PDB file of N, CA and C in Angstrom:
ATOM      1  N   MET A   1      31.386   1.431   9.312  1.00  0.00           N
ATOM      2  CA  MET A   1      30.917   1.335   7.933  1.00  0.00           C
ATOM      3  C   MET A   1      29.391   1.433   7.906  1.00  0.00           C
ATOM      4  N   ALA A   2      28.884   2.277   7.034  1.00  0.00           N
ATOM      5  CA  ALA A   2      27.440   2.469   6.921  1.00  0.00           C
ATOM      6  C   ALA A   2      26.788   1.249   6.275  1.00  0.00           C
ATOM      7  N   THR A   3      25.546   1.010   6.663  1.00  0.00           N
ATOM      8  CA  THR A   3      24.800  -0.107   6.084  1.00  0.00           C
ATOM      9  C   THR A   3      23.489   0.396   5.489  1.00  0.00           C
ATOM     10  N   ALA A   4      22.972  -0.378   4.564  1.00  0.00           N
ATOM     11  CA  ALA A   4      21.674  -0.047   3.953  1.00  0.00           C
ATOM     12  C   ALA A   4      20.592  -0.119   5.027  1.00  0.00           C
ATOM     13  N   PRO A   5      19.463   0.522   4.807  1.00  0.00           N
ATOM     14  CA  PRO A   5      18.367   0.482   5.783  1.00  0.00           C
ATOM     15  C   PRO A   5      17.934  -0.952   6.096  1.00  0.00           C
ATOM     16  N   ILE A   6      17.378  -1.108   7.286  1.00  0.00           N
ATOM     17  CA  ILE A   6      16.914  -2.424   7.744  1.00  0.00           C
ATOM     18  C   ILE A   6      15.427  -2.343   8.069  1.00  0.00           C
ATOM     19  N   PHE A   7      14.654  -3.298   7.536  1.00  0.00           N
ATOM     20  CA  PHE A   7      13.241  -3.406   7.883  1.00  0.00           C
ATOM     21  C   PHE A   7      13.126  -4.228   9.158  1.00  0.00           C
ATOM     22  N   THR A   8      12.665  -3.594  10.232  1.00  0.00           N
ATOM     23  CA  THR A   8      12.425  -4.340  11.466  1.00  0.00           C
ATOM     24  C   THR A   8      10.993  -4.865  11.511  1.00  0.00           C
ATOM     25  N   LYS A   9      10.160  -4.349  10.598  1.00  0.00           N
ATOM     26  CA  LYS A   9       8.811  -4.883  10.366  1.00  0.00           C
ATOM     27  C   LYS A   9       8.585  -4.837   8.871  1.00  0.00           C
ATOM     28  N   GLU A  10       8.404  -6.005   8.267  1.00  0.00           N
ATOM     29  CA  GLU A  10       8.206  -6.121   6.820  1.00  0.00           C
ATOM     30  C   GLU A  10       6.740  -5.938   6.459  1.00  0.00           C
ATOM     31  N   MET A  11       6.493  -5.655   5.189  1.00  0.00           N
ATOM     32  CA  MET A  11       5.130  -5.610   4.669  1.00  0.00           C
ATOM     33  C   MET A  11       4.566  -7.025   4.689  1.00  0.00           C
ATOM     34  N   CYS A  12       3.242  -7.125   4.819  1.00  0.00           N
ATOM     35  CA  CYS A  12       2.565  -8.422   4.814  1.00  0.00           C
ATOM     36  C   CYS A  12       1.502  -8.437   3.727  1.00  0.00           C
ATOM     37  N   ASN A  13       1.352  -9.592   3.061  1.00  0.00           N
ATOM     38  CA  ASN A  13       0.265  -9.749   2.095  1.00  0.00           C
ATOM     39  C   ASN A  13      -1.055  -9.539   2.813  1.00  0.00           C
ATOM     40  N   CYS A  14      -2.044  -9.044   2.083  1.00  0.00           N
ATOM     41  CA  CYS A  14      -3.358  -8.875   2.698  1.00  0.00           C
ATOM     42  C   CYS A  14      -4.450  -9.300   1.738  1.00  0.00           C
ATOM     43  N   GLU A  15      -5.562  -9.695   2.315  1.00  0.00           N
ATOM     44  CA  GLU A  15      -6.733 -10.124   1.558  1.00  0.00           C
ATOM     45  C   GLU A  15      -7.910  -9.284   2.014  1.00  0.00           C
ATOM     46  N   THR A  16      -8.684  -8.776   1.048  1.00  0.00           N
ATOM     47  CA  THR A  16      -9.796  -7.901   1.384  1.00  0.00           C
ATOM     48  C   THR A  16     -10.873  -7.985   0.312  1.00  0.00           C
ATOM     49  N   CYS A  17     -11.972  -7.319   0.559  1.00  0.00           N
ATOM     50  CA  CYS A  17     -13.081  -7.281  -0.404  1.00  0.00           C
ATOM     51  C   CYS A  17     -12.981  -6.025  -1.260  1.00  0.00           C
ATOM     52  N   GLU A  18     -13.462  -6.129  -2.470  1.00  0.00           N
ATOM     53  CA  GLU A  18     -13.514  -5.008  -3.401  1.00  0.00           C
ATOM     54  C   GLU A  18     -14.203  -3.814  -2.727  1.00  0.00           C
ATOM     55  N   GLY A  19     -13.617  -2.638  -2.883  1.00  0.00           N
ATOM     56  CA  GLY A  19     -14.181  -1.428  -2.310  1.00  0.00           C
ATOM     57  C   GLY A  19     -13.679  -1.103  -0.913  1.00  0.00           C
ATOM     58  N   SER A  20     -12.991  -2.044  -0.290  1.00  0.00           N
ATOM     59  CA  SER A  20     -12.464  -1.826   1.066  1.00  0.00           C
ATOM     60  C   SER A  20     -11.136  -1.083   1.006  1.00  0.00           C
ATOM     61  N   GLY A  21     -10.726  -0.599   2.167  1.00  0.00           N
ATOM     62  CA  GLY A  21      -9.427   0.034   2.285  1.00  0.00           C
ATOM     63  C   GLY A  21      -8.388  -0.964   2.746  1.00  0.00           C
ATOM     64  N   VAL A  22      -7.121  -0.665   2.435  1.00  0.00           N
ATOM     65  CA  VAL A  22      -6.001  -1.522   2.806  1.00  0.00           C
ATOM     66  C   VAL A  22      -4.889  -0.645   3.350  1.00  0.00           C
ATOM     67  N   MET A  23      -4.147  -1.183   4.316  1.00  0.00           N
ATOM     68  CA  MET A  23      -2.988  -0.469   4.831  1.00  0.00           C
ATOM     69  C   MET A  23      -1.794  -1.412   4.870  1.00  0.00           C
ATOM     70  N   PHE A  24      -0.691  -0.955   4.288  1.00  0.00           N
ATOM     71  CA  PHE A  24       0.584  -1.658   4.415  1.00  0.00           C
ATOM     72  C   PHE A  24       1.420  -0.850   5.393  1.00  0.00           C
ATOM     73  N   GLU A  25       2.082  -1.539   6.319  1.00  0.00           N
ATOM     74  CA  GLU A  25       2.873  -0.852   7.345  1.00  0.00           C
ATOM     75  C   GLU A  25       4.240  -1.515   7.451  1.00  0.00           C
ATOM     76  N   VAL A  26       5.270  -0.682   7.552  1.00  0.00           N
ATOM     77  CA  VAL A  26       6.634  -1.167   7.753  1.00  0.00           C
ATOM     78  C   VAL A  26       7.278  -0.351   8.874  1.00  0.00           C
ATOM     79  N   LYS A  27       8.346  -0.914   9.414  1.00  0.00           N
ATOM     80  CA  LYS A  27       9.176  -0.163  10.358  1.00  0.00           C
ATOM     81  C   LYS A  27      10.601  -0.304   9.852  1.00  0.00           C
ATOM     82  N   ILE A  28      11.275   0.850   9.744  1.00  0.00           N
ATOM     83  CA  ILE A  28      12.592   0.881   9.112  1.00  0.00           C
ATOM     84  C   ILE A  28      13.588   1.603  10.010  1.00  0.00           C
ATOM     85  N   GLU A  29      14.804   1.067  10.061  1.00  0.00           N
ATOM     86  CA  GLU A  29      15.917   1.747  10.738  1.00  0.00           C
ATOM     87  C   GLU A  29      16.919   2.194   9.685  1.00  0.00           C
ATOM     88  N   GLY A  30      17.351   3.443   9.782  1.00  0.00           N
ATOM     89  CA  GLY A  30      18.424   3.943   8.923  1.00  0.00           C
ATOM     90  C   GLY A  30      18.022   4.442   7.555  1.00  0.00           C
ATOM     91  N   ALA A  31      16.738   4.718   7.342  1.00  0.00           N
ATOM     92  CA  ALA A  31      16.297   5.210   6.027  1.00  0.00           C
ATOM     93  C   ALA A  31      16.397   6.727   5.958  1.00  0.00           C
ATOM     94  N   GLU A  32      16.956   7.231   4.867  1.00  0.00           N
ATOM     95  CA  GLU A  32      16.971   8.662   4.605  1.00  0.00           C
ATOM     96  C   GLU A  32      15.830   9.045   3.665  1.00  0.00           C
ATOM     97  N   GLU A  33      15.371   8.066   2.878  1.00  0.00           N
ATOM     98  CA  GLU A  33      14.284   8.283   1.936  1.00  0.00           C
ATOM     99  C   GLU A  33      13.469   7.002   1.834  1.00  0.00           C
ATOM    100  N   VAL A  34      12.158   7.155   1.734  1.00  0.00           N
ATOM    101  CA  VAL A  34      11.265   6.007   1.568  1.00  0.00           C
ATOM    102  C   VAL A  34      10.367   6.278   0.364  1.00  0.00           C
ATOM    103  N   VAL A  35      10.312   5.316  -0.547  1.00  0.00           N
ATOM    104  CA  VAL A  35       9.528   5.426  -1.769  1.00  0.00           C
ATOM    105  C   VAL A  35       8.563   4.244  -1.820  1.00  0.00           C
ATOM    106  N   TRP A  36       7.311   4.525  -2.180  1.00  0.00           N
ATOM    107  CA  TRP A  36       6.301   3.466  -2.341  1.00  0.00           C
ATOM    108  C   TRP A  36       6.100   3.205  -3.822  1.00  0.00           C
ATOM    109  N   GLN A  37       6.016   1.922  -4.176  1.00  0.00           N
ATOM    110  CA  GLN A  37       5.848   1.536  -5.561  1.00  0.00           C
ATOM    111  C   GLN A  37       4.724   0.519  -5.714  1.00  0.00           C
ATOM    112  N   CYS A  38       4.198   0.461  -6.927  1.00  0.00           N
ATOM    113  CA  CYS A  38       3.233  -0.566  -7.319  1.00  0.00           C
ATOM    114  C   CYS A  38       3.783  -1.206  -8.584  1.00  0.00           C
ATOM    115  N   GLU A  39       4.029  -2.497  -8.528  1.00  0.00           N
ATOM    116  CA  GLU A  39       4.601  -3.229  -9.659  1.00  0.00           C
ATOM    117  C   GLU A  39       5.903  -2.595 -10.140  1.00  0.00           C
ATOM    118  N   GLY A  40       6.725  -2.114  -9.194  1.00  0.00           N
ATOM    119  CA  GLY A  40       8.037  -1.567  -9.523  1.00  0.00           C
ATOM    120  C   GLY A  40       8.051  -0.130 -10.010  1.00  0.00           C
ATOM    121  N   GLU A  41       6.879   0.502 -10.097  1.00  0.00           N
ATOM    122  CA  GLU A  41       6.785   1.897 -10.542  1.00  0.00           C
ATOM    123  C   GLU A  41       6.421   2.784  -9.355  1.00  0.00           C
ATOM    124  N   ASN A  42       7.105   3.919  -9.220  1.00  0.00           N
ATOM    125  CA  ASN A  42       6.787   4.838  -8.132  1.00  0.00           C
ATOM    126  C   ASN A  42       5.330   5.270  -8.207  1.00  0.00           C
ATOM    127  N   ILE A  43       4.662   5.291  -7.068  1.00  0.00           N
ATOM    128  CA  ILE A  43       3.269   5.729  -7.014  1.00  0.00           C
ATOM    129  C   ILE A  43       3.234   7.252  -7.102  1.00  0.00           C
ATOM    130  N   ASP A  44       2.415   7.758  -8.006  1.00  0.00           N
ATOM    131  CA  ASP A  44       2.232   9.198  -8.168  1.00  0.00           C
ATOM    132  C   ASP A  44       1.053   9.607  -7.283  1.00  0.00           C
ATOM    133  N   PHE A  45       1.357  10.138  -6.116  1.00  0.00           N
ATOM    134  CA  PHE A  45       0.315  10.470  -5.139  1.00  0.00           C
ATOM    135  C   PHE A  45      -0.544  11.656  -5.582  1.00  0.00           C
ATOM    136  N   GLU A  46      -0.042  12.476  -6.482  1.00  0.00           N
ATOM    137  CA  GLU A  46      -0.829  13.586  -7.016  1.00  0.00           C
ATOM    138  C   GLU A  46      -1.915  13.072  -7.957  1.00  0.00           C
ATOM    139  N   GLU A  47      -1.557  12.073  -8.746  1.00  0.00           N
ATOM    140  CA  GLU A  47      -2.503  11.539  -9.735  1.00  0.00           C
ATOM    141  C   GLU A  47      -3.377  10.438  -9.151  1.00  0.00           C
ATOM    142  N   GLU A  48      -2.811   9.600  -8.330  1.00  0.00           N
ATOM    143  CA  GLU A  48      -3.533   8.458  -7.743  1.00  0.00           C
ATOM    144  C   GLU A  48      -4.064   8.850  -6.365  1.00  0.00           C
ATOM    145  N   LYS A  49      -5.209   9.496  -6.342  1.00  0.00           N
ATOM    146  CA  LYS A  49      -5.764  10.052  -5.100  1.00  0.00           C
ATOM    147  C   LYS A  49      -6.171   8.978  -4.084  1.00  0.00           C
ATOM    148  N   ARG A  50      -6.346   7.726  -4.507  1.00  0.00           N
ATOM    149  CA  ARG A  50      -6.751   6.699  -3.549  1.00  0.00           C
ATOM    150  C   ARG A  50      -5.585   6.218  -2.683  1.00  0.00           C
ATOM    151  N   TYR A  51      -4.362   6.644  -3.036  1.00  0.00           N
ATOM    152  CA  TYR A  51      -3.186   6.300  -2.248  1.00  0.00           C
ATOM    153  C   TYR A  51      -2.784   7.472  -1.355  1.00  0.00           C
ATOM    154  N   THR A  52      -2.486   7.191  -0.092  1.00  0.00           N
ATOM    155  CA  THR A  52      -1.908   8.191   0.803  1.00  0.00           C
ATOM    156  C   THR A  52      -0.832   7.508   1.643  1.00  0.00           C
ATOM    157  N   THR A  53       0.049   8.308   2.205  1.00  0.00           N
ATOM    158  CA  THR A  53       1.098   7.764   3.067  1.00  0.00           C
ATOM    159  C   THR A  53       1.093   8.479   4.407  1.00  0.00           C
ATOM    160  N   GLU A  54       1.614   7.779   5.382  1.00  0.00           N
ATOM    161  CA  GLU A  54       1.820   8.359   6.709  1.00  0.00           C
ATOM    162  C   GLU A  54       3.204   7.962   7.183  1.00  0.00           C
ATOM    163  N   GLU A  55       3.818   8.865   7.930  1.00  0.00           N
ATOM    164  CA  GLU A  55       5.125   8.608   8.506  1.00  0.00           C
ATOM    165  C   GLU A  55       5.075   8.993   9.976  1.00  0.00           C
ATOM    166  N   GLU A  56       5.568   8.087  10.829  1.00  0.00           N
ATOM    167  CA  GLU A  56       5.603   8.360  12.260  1.00  0.00           C
ATOM    168  C   GLU A  56       7.054   8.545  12.703  1.00  0.00           C
ATOM    169  N   ASP A  57       7.236   9.185  13.847  1.00  0.00           N
ATOM    170  CA  ASP A  57       8.572   9.502  14.338  1.00  0.00           C
ATOM    171  C   ASP A  57       9.439   8.288  14.638  1.00  0.00           C
ATOM    172  N   ASP A  58       8.827   7.156  14.912  1.00  0.00           N
ATOM    173  CA  ASP A  58       9.598   5.979  15.326  1.00  0.00           C
ATOM    174  C   ASP A  58       9.995   5.065  14.165  1.00  0.00           C
ATOM    175  N   GLY A  59      10.002   5.585  12.921  1.00  0.00           N
ATOM    176  CA  GLY A  59      10.425   4.795  11.774  1.00  0.00           C
ATOM    177  C   GLY A  59       9.323   3.956  11.159  1.00  0.00           C
ATOM    178  N   VAL A  60       8.069   4.216  11.542  1.00  0.00           N
ATOM    179  CA  VAL A  60       6.928   3.498  10.975  1.00  0.00           C
ATOM    180  C   VAL A  60       6.408   4.285   9.772  1.00  0.00           C
ATOM    181  N   TYR A  61       6.250   3.579   8.658  1.00  0.00           N
ATOM    182  CA  TYR A  61       5.737   4.171   7.425  1.00  0.00           C
ATOM    183  C   TYR A  61       4.526   3.356   6.990  1.00  0.00           C
ATOM    184  N   LYS A  62       3.501   4.059   6.477  1.00  0.00           N
ATOM    185  CA  LYS A  62       2.270   3.384   6.064  1.00  0.00           C
ATOM    186  C   LYS A  62       1.865   3.830   4.672  1.00  0.00           C
ATOM    187  N   LEU A  63       1.377   2.867   3.894  1.00  0.00           N
ATOM    188  CA  LEU A  63       0.737   3.148   2.622  1.00  0.00           C
ATOM    189  C   LEU A  63      -0.718   2.753   2.782  1.00  0.00           C
ATOM    190  N   LEU A  64      -1.615   3.713   2.554  1.00  0.00           N
ATOM    191  CA  LEU A  64      -3.045   3.449   2.669  1.00  0.00           C
ATOM    192  C   LEU A  64      -3.683   3.541   1.291  1.00  0.00           C
ATOM    193  N   ILE A  65      -4.515   2.556   0.975  1.00  0.00           N
ATOM    194  CA  ILE A  65      -5.258   2.541  -0.274  1.00  0.00           C
ATOM    195  C   ILE A  65      -6.719   2.642   0.116  1.00  0.00           C
ATOM    196  N   SER A  66      -7.381   3.709  -0.308  1.00  0.00           N
ATOM    197  CA  SER A  66      -8.739   3.965   0.180  1.00  0.00           C
ATOM    198  C   SER A  66      -9.760   2.981  -0.365  1.00  0.00           C
ATOM    199  N   GLU A  67      -9.651   2.587  -1.611  1.00  0.00           N
ATOM    200  CA  GLU A  67     -10.599   1.628  -2.194  1.00  0.00           C
ATOM    201  C   GLU A  67      -9.863   0.711  -3.148  1.00  0.00           C
ATOM    202  N   VAL A  68      -9.762  -0.564  -2.785  1.00  0.00           N
ATOM    203  CA  VAL A  68      -9.131  -1.504  -3.697  1.00  0.00           C
ATOM    204  C   VAL A  68     -10.151  -1.988  -4.717  1.00  0.00           C
ATOM    205  N   ASP A  69      -9.638  -2.364  -5.856  1.00  0.00           N
ATOM    206  CA  ASP A  69     -10.460  -2.820  -6.967  1.00  0.00           C
ATOM    207  C   ASP A  69     -10.011  -4.236  -7.327  1.00  0.00           C
ATOM    208  N   VAL A  70     -10.851  -4.975  -8.002  1.00  0.00           N
ATOM    209  CA  VAL A  70     -10.500  -6.334  -8.422  1.00  0.00           C
ATOM    210  C   VAL A  70      -9.221  -6.312  -9.261  1.00  0.00           C
ATOM    211  N   ASP A  71      -9.001  -5.226 -10.007  1.00  0.00           N
ATOM    212  CA  ASP A  71      -7.789  -5.100 -10.820  1.00  0.00           C
ATOM    213  C   ASP A  71      -6.517  -5.054  -9.973  1.00  0.00           C
ATOM    214  N   ASP A  72      -6.649  -4.759  -8.684  1.00  0.00           N
ATOM    215  CA  ASP A  72      -5.491  -4.717  -7.788  1.00  0.00           C
ATOM    216  C   ASP A  72      -5.028  -6.113  -7.361  1.00  0.00           C
ATOM    217  N   THR A  73      -5.838  -7.136  -7.629  1.00  0.00           N
ATOM    218  CA  THR A  73      -5.487  -8.491  -7.214  1.00  0.00           C
ATOM    219  C   THR A  73      -4.138  -8.885  -7.789  1.00  0.00           C
ATOM    220  N   ASP A  74      -3.307  -9.429  -6.922  1.00  0.00           N
ATOM    221  CA  ASP A  74      -1.954  -9.893  -7.248  1.00  0.00           C
ATOM    222  C   ASP A  74      -0.971  -8.771  -7.555  1.00  0.00           C
ATOM    223  N   CYS A  75      -1.392  -7.511  -7.401  1.00  0.00           N
ATOM    224  CA  CYS A  75      -0.438  -6.419  -7.591  1.00  0.00           C
ATOM    225  C   CYS A  75       0.590  -6.458  -6.465  1.00  0.00           C
ATOM    226  N   ALA A  76       1.839  -6.284  -6.837  1.00  0.00           N
ATOM    227  CA  ALA A  76       2.913  -6.256  -5.852  1.00  0.00           C
ATOM    228  C   ALA A  76       3.207  -4.805  -5.484  1.00  0.00           C
ATOM    229  N   PHE A  77       3.108  -4.507  -4.206  1.00  0.00           N
ATOM    230  CA  PHE A  77       3.442  -3.180  -3.689  1.00  0.00           C
ATOM    231  C   PHE A  77       4.791  -3.278  -2.991  1.00  0.00           C
ATOM    232  N   GLN A  78       5.624  -2.264  -3.197  1.00  0.00           N
ATOM    233  CA  GLN A  78       6.952  -2.259  -2.602  1.00  0.00           C
ATOM    234  C   GLN A  78       7.175  -0.997  -1.797  1.00  0.00           C
ATOM    235  N   CYS A  79       7.912  -1.167  -0.714  1.00  0.00           N
ATOM    236  CA  CYS A  79       8.430  -0.038   0.050  1.00  0.00           C
ATOM    237  C   CYS A  79       9.939  -0.090  -0.140  1.00  0.00           C
ATOM    238  N   VAL A  80      10.495   0.969  -0.719  1.00  0.00           N
ATOM    239  CA  VAL A  80      11.927   1.031  -0.987  1.00  0.00           C
ATOM    240  C   VAL A  80      12.535   2.024  -0.001  1.00  0.00           C
ATOM    241  N   ALA A  81      13.389   1.521   0.865  1.00  0.00           N
ATOM    242  CA  ALA A  81      14.069   2.354   1.860  1.00  0.00           C
ATOM    243  C   ALA A  81      15.503   2.596   1.381  1.00  0.00           C
ATOM    244  N   LYS A  82      15.909   3.875   1.352  1.00  0.00           N
ATOM    245  CA  LYS A  82      17.222   4.227   0.791  1.00  0.00           C
ATOM    246  C   LYS A  82      18.042   5.053   1.783  1.00  0.00           C
ATOM    247  N   ASN A  83      19.342   4.892   1.674  1.00  0.00           N
ATOM    248  CA  ASN A  83      20.287   5.798   2.326  1.00  0.00           C
ATOM    249  C   ASN A  83      21.575   5.776   1.501  1.00  0.00           C
ATOM    250  N   ALA A  84      22.601   6.473   1.956  1.00  0.00           N
ATOM    251  CA  ALA A  84      23.843   6.589   1.187  1.00  0.00           C
ATOM    252  C   ALA A  84      24.519   5.236   0.965  1.00  0.00           C
ATOM    253  N   ALA A  85      24.278   4.257   1.833  1.00  0.00           N
ATOM    254  CA  ALA A  85      24.923   2.950   1.722  1.00  0.00           C
ATOM    255  C   ALA A  85      24.174   1.986   0.802  1.00  0.00           C
ATOM    256  N   GLY A  86      22.945   2.325   0.437  1.00  0.00           N
ATOM    257  CA  GLY A  86      22.205   1.428  -0.453  1.00  0.00           C
ATOM    258  C   GLY A  86      20.707   1.499  -0.218  1.00  0.00           C
ATOM    259  N   GLN A  87      20.031   0.478  -0.703  1.00  0.00           N
ATOM    260  CA  GLN A  87      18.585   0.423  -0.539  1.00  0.00           C
ATOM    261  C   GLN A  87      18.149  -0.991  -0.185  1.00  0.00           C
ATOM    262  N   THR A  88      16.986  -1.070   0.448  1.00  0.00           N
ATOM    263  CA  THR A  88      16.376  -2.333   0.839  1.00  0.00           C
ATOM    264  C   THR A  88      14.904  -2.257   0.449  1.00  0.00           C
ATOM    265  N   ILE A  89      14.351  -3.393   0.032  1.00  0.00           N
ATOM    266  CA  ILE A  89      12.967  -3.417  -0.425  1.00  0.00           C
ATOM    267  C   ILE A  89      12.159  -4.437   0.364  1.00  0.00           C
ATOM    268  N   SER A  90      10.969  -4.024   0.753  1.00  0.00           N
ATOM    269  CA  SER A  90       9.987  -4.940   1.335  1.00  0.00           C
ATOM    270  C   SER A  90       8.816  -4.969   0.357  1.00  0.00           C
ATOM    271  N   GLU A  91       8.238  -6.159   0.129  1.00  0.00           N
ATOM    272  CA  GLU A  91       7.182  -6.293  -0.863  1.00  0.00           C
ATOM    273  C   GLU A  91       6.045  -7.148  -0.336  1.00  0.00           C
ATOM    274  N   ALA A  92       4.826  -6.796  -0.762  1.00  0.00           N
ATOM    275  CA  ALA A  92       3.647  -7.584  -0.401  1.00  0.00           C
ATOM    276  C   ALA A  92       2.614  -7.446  -1.507  1.00  0.00           C
ATOM    277  N   LYS A  93       1.693  -8.388  -1.517  1.00  0.00           N
ATOM    278  CA  LYS A  93       0.611  -8.368  -2.509  1.00  0.00           C
ATOM    279  C   LYS A  93      -0.727  -8.201  -1.818  1.00  0.00           C
ATOM    280  N   VAL A  94      -1.671  -7.675  -2.582  1.00  0.00           N
ATOM    281  CA  VAL A  94      -3.037  -7.560  -2.094  1.00  0.00           C
ATOM    282  C   VAL A  94      -3.898  -8.503  -2.936  1.00  0.00           C
ATOM    283  N   PHE A  95      -4.752  -9.239  -2.264  1.00  0.00           N
ATOM    284  CA  PHE A  95      -5.665 -10.161  -2.926  1.00  0.00           C
ATOM    285  C   PHE A  95      -7.078  -9.640  -2.682  1.00  0.00           C
ATOM    286  N   VAL A  96      -7.778  -9.326  -3.767  1.00  0.00           N
ATOM    287  CA  VAL A  96      -9.084  -8.682  -3.670  1.00  0.00           C
ATOM    288  C   VAL A  96     -10.177  -9.650  -4.107  1.00  0.00           C
ATOM    289  N   GLU A  97     -11.134  -9.840  -3.203  1.00  0.00           N
ATOM    290  CA  GLU A  97     -12.289 -10.681  -3.509  1.00  0.00           C
ATOM    291  C   GLU A  97     -13.377  -9.810  -4.112  1.00  0.00           C
ATOM    292  N   GLU A  98     -13.887 -10.225  -5.252  1.00  0.00           N
ATOM    293  CA  GLU A  98     -14.914  -9.440  -5.930  1.00  0.00           C
ATOM    294  C   GLU A  98     -16.196  -9.406  -5.110  1.00  0.00           C
ATOM    295  N   MET A  99     -16.810  -8.238  -5.080  1.00  0.00           N
ATOM    296  CA  MET A  99     -18.059  -8.050  -4.359  1.00  0.00           C
ATOM    297  C   MET A  99     -19.177  -8.775  -5.126  1.00  0.00           C
ATOM    298  N   PRO A 100     -20.017  -9.530  -4.433  1.00  0.00           N
ATOM    299  CA  PRO A 100     -21.132 -10.196  -5.120  1.00  0.00           C
ATOM    300  C   PRO A 100     -22.022  -9.180  -5.831  1.00  0.00           C
ATOM    301  N   GLU A 101     -22.571  -9.573  -6.952  1.00  0.00           N
ATOM    302  CA  GLU A 101     -23.370  -8.679  -7.790  1.00  0.00           C
ATOM    303  C   GLU A 101     -24.555  -8.081  -7.038  1.00  0.00           C
ATOM    304  N   HIS A 102     -25.226  -8.889  -6.206  1.00  0.00           N
ATOM    305  CA  HIS A 102     -26.393  -8.358  -5.483  1.00  0.00           C
ATOM    306  C   HIS A 102     -25.996  -7.269  -4.482  1.00  0.00           C
ATOM    307  N   VAL A 103     -24.796  -7.358  -3.934  1.00  0.00           N
ATOM    308  CA  VAL A 103     -24.319  -6.315  -3.015  1.00  0.00           C
ATOM    309  C   VAL A 103     -24.024  -5.034  -3.796  1.00  0.00           C
ATOM    310  N   LYS A 104     -23.412  -5.181  -4.973  1.00  0.00           N
ATOM    311  CA  LYS A 104     -23.149  -4.009  -5.818  1.00  0.00           C
ATOM    312  C   LYS A 104     -24.454  -3.299  -6.157  1.00  0.00           C
ATOM    313  N   GLU A 105     -25.484  -4.082  -6.484  1.00  0.00           N
ATOM    314  CA  GLU A 105     -26.777  -3.496  -6.833  1.00  0.00           C
ATOM    315  C   GLU A 105     -27.391  -2.750  -5.653  1.00  0.00           C
ATOM    316  N   LEU A 106     -27.282  -3.306  -4.454  1.00  0.00           N
ATOM    317  CA  LEU A 106     -27.801  -2.628  -3.261  1.00  0.00           C
ATOM    318  C   LEU A 106     -27.081  -1.303  -3.013  1.00  0.00           C
ATOM    319  N   ILE A 107     -25.782  -1.307  -3.191  1.00  0.00           N
ATOM    320  CA  ILE A 107     -24.998  -0.082  -2.999  1.00  0.00           C
ATOM    321  C   ILE A 107     -25.406   0.967  -4.027  1.00  0.00           C
ATOM    322  N   GLN A 108     -25.571   0.547  -5.280  1.00  0.00           N
ATOM    323  CA  GLN A 108     -25.977   1.489  -6.321  1.00  0.00           C
ATOM    324  C   GLN A 108     -27.361   2.061  -6.029  1.00  0.00           C
ATOM    325  N   MET A 109     -28.276   1.227  -5.541  1.00  0.00           N
ATOM    326  CA  MET A 109     -29.616   1.714  -5.196  1.00  0.00           C
ATOM    327  C   MET A 109     -29.541   2.732  -4.072  1.00  0.00           C
ATOM    328  N   LYS A 110     -28.715   2.458  -3.083  1.00  0.00           N
ATOM    329  CA  LYS A 110     -28.577   3.370  -1.941  1.00  0.00           C
ATOM    330  C   LYS A 110     -27.996   4.705  -2.404  1.00  0.00           C
ATOM    331  N   GLU A 111     -26.965   4.646  -3.247  1.00  0.00           N
ATOM    332  CA  GLU A 111     -26.336   5.871  -3.753  1.00  0.00           C
ATOM    333  C   GLU A 111     -27.300   6.666  -4.626  1.00  0.00           C
ATOM    334  N   HIS A 112     -28.148   5.974  -5.361  1.00  0.00           N
ATOM    335  CA  HIS A 112     -29.113   6.627  -6.238  1.00  0.00           C
ATOM    336  C   HIS A 112     -30.164   7.400  -5.437  1.00  0.00           C
ATOM    337  N   LYS A 113     -30.546   6.864  -4.254  1.00  0.00           N
ATOM    338  CA  LYS A 113     -31.535   7.510  -3.404  1.00  0.00           C
ATOM    339  C   LYS A 113     -31.012   8.785  -2.761  1.00  0.00           C
ATOM    340  N   GLN A 114     -29.717   8.905  -2.590  1.00  0.00           N
ATOM    341  CA  GLN A 114     -29.140  10.060  -1.894  1.00  0.00           C
ATOM    342  C   GLN A 114     -29.131  11.248  -2.747  1.00  0.00           C
TER     343      GLN A 114
END
């Protein structure tokens, strides 16, 4: 009897600073399709350029977010693994610490000089 996919490595919550990159990684057995979601909605990789995915031969799947924003705090990201027998979901949240104002100003000054 076929079974739904199994996560042998689940997603983990992560904490980072505003403007940093984040990576969620899972390992799945038995998935025919893998879908990444944010707050239960499929991520549109064509429209949301800061999101990319990677897939490795050994069942490892990654969601990379190039720059997190304070608005991403507490957002739930899901990896939905599907096959003919069903689906399984792994979920994690990202917690974003706001960049101090003086650091933002330094970055803006540096970008302005370039």
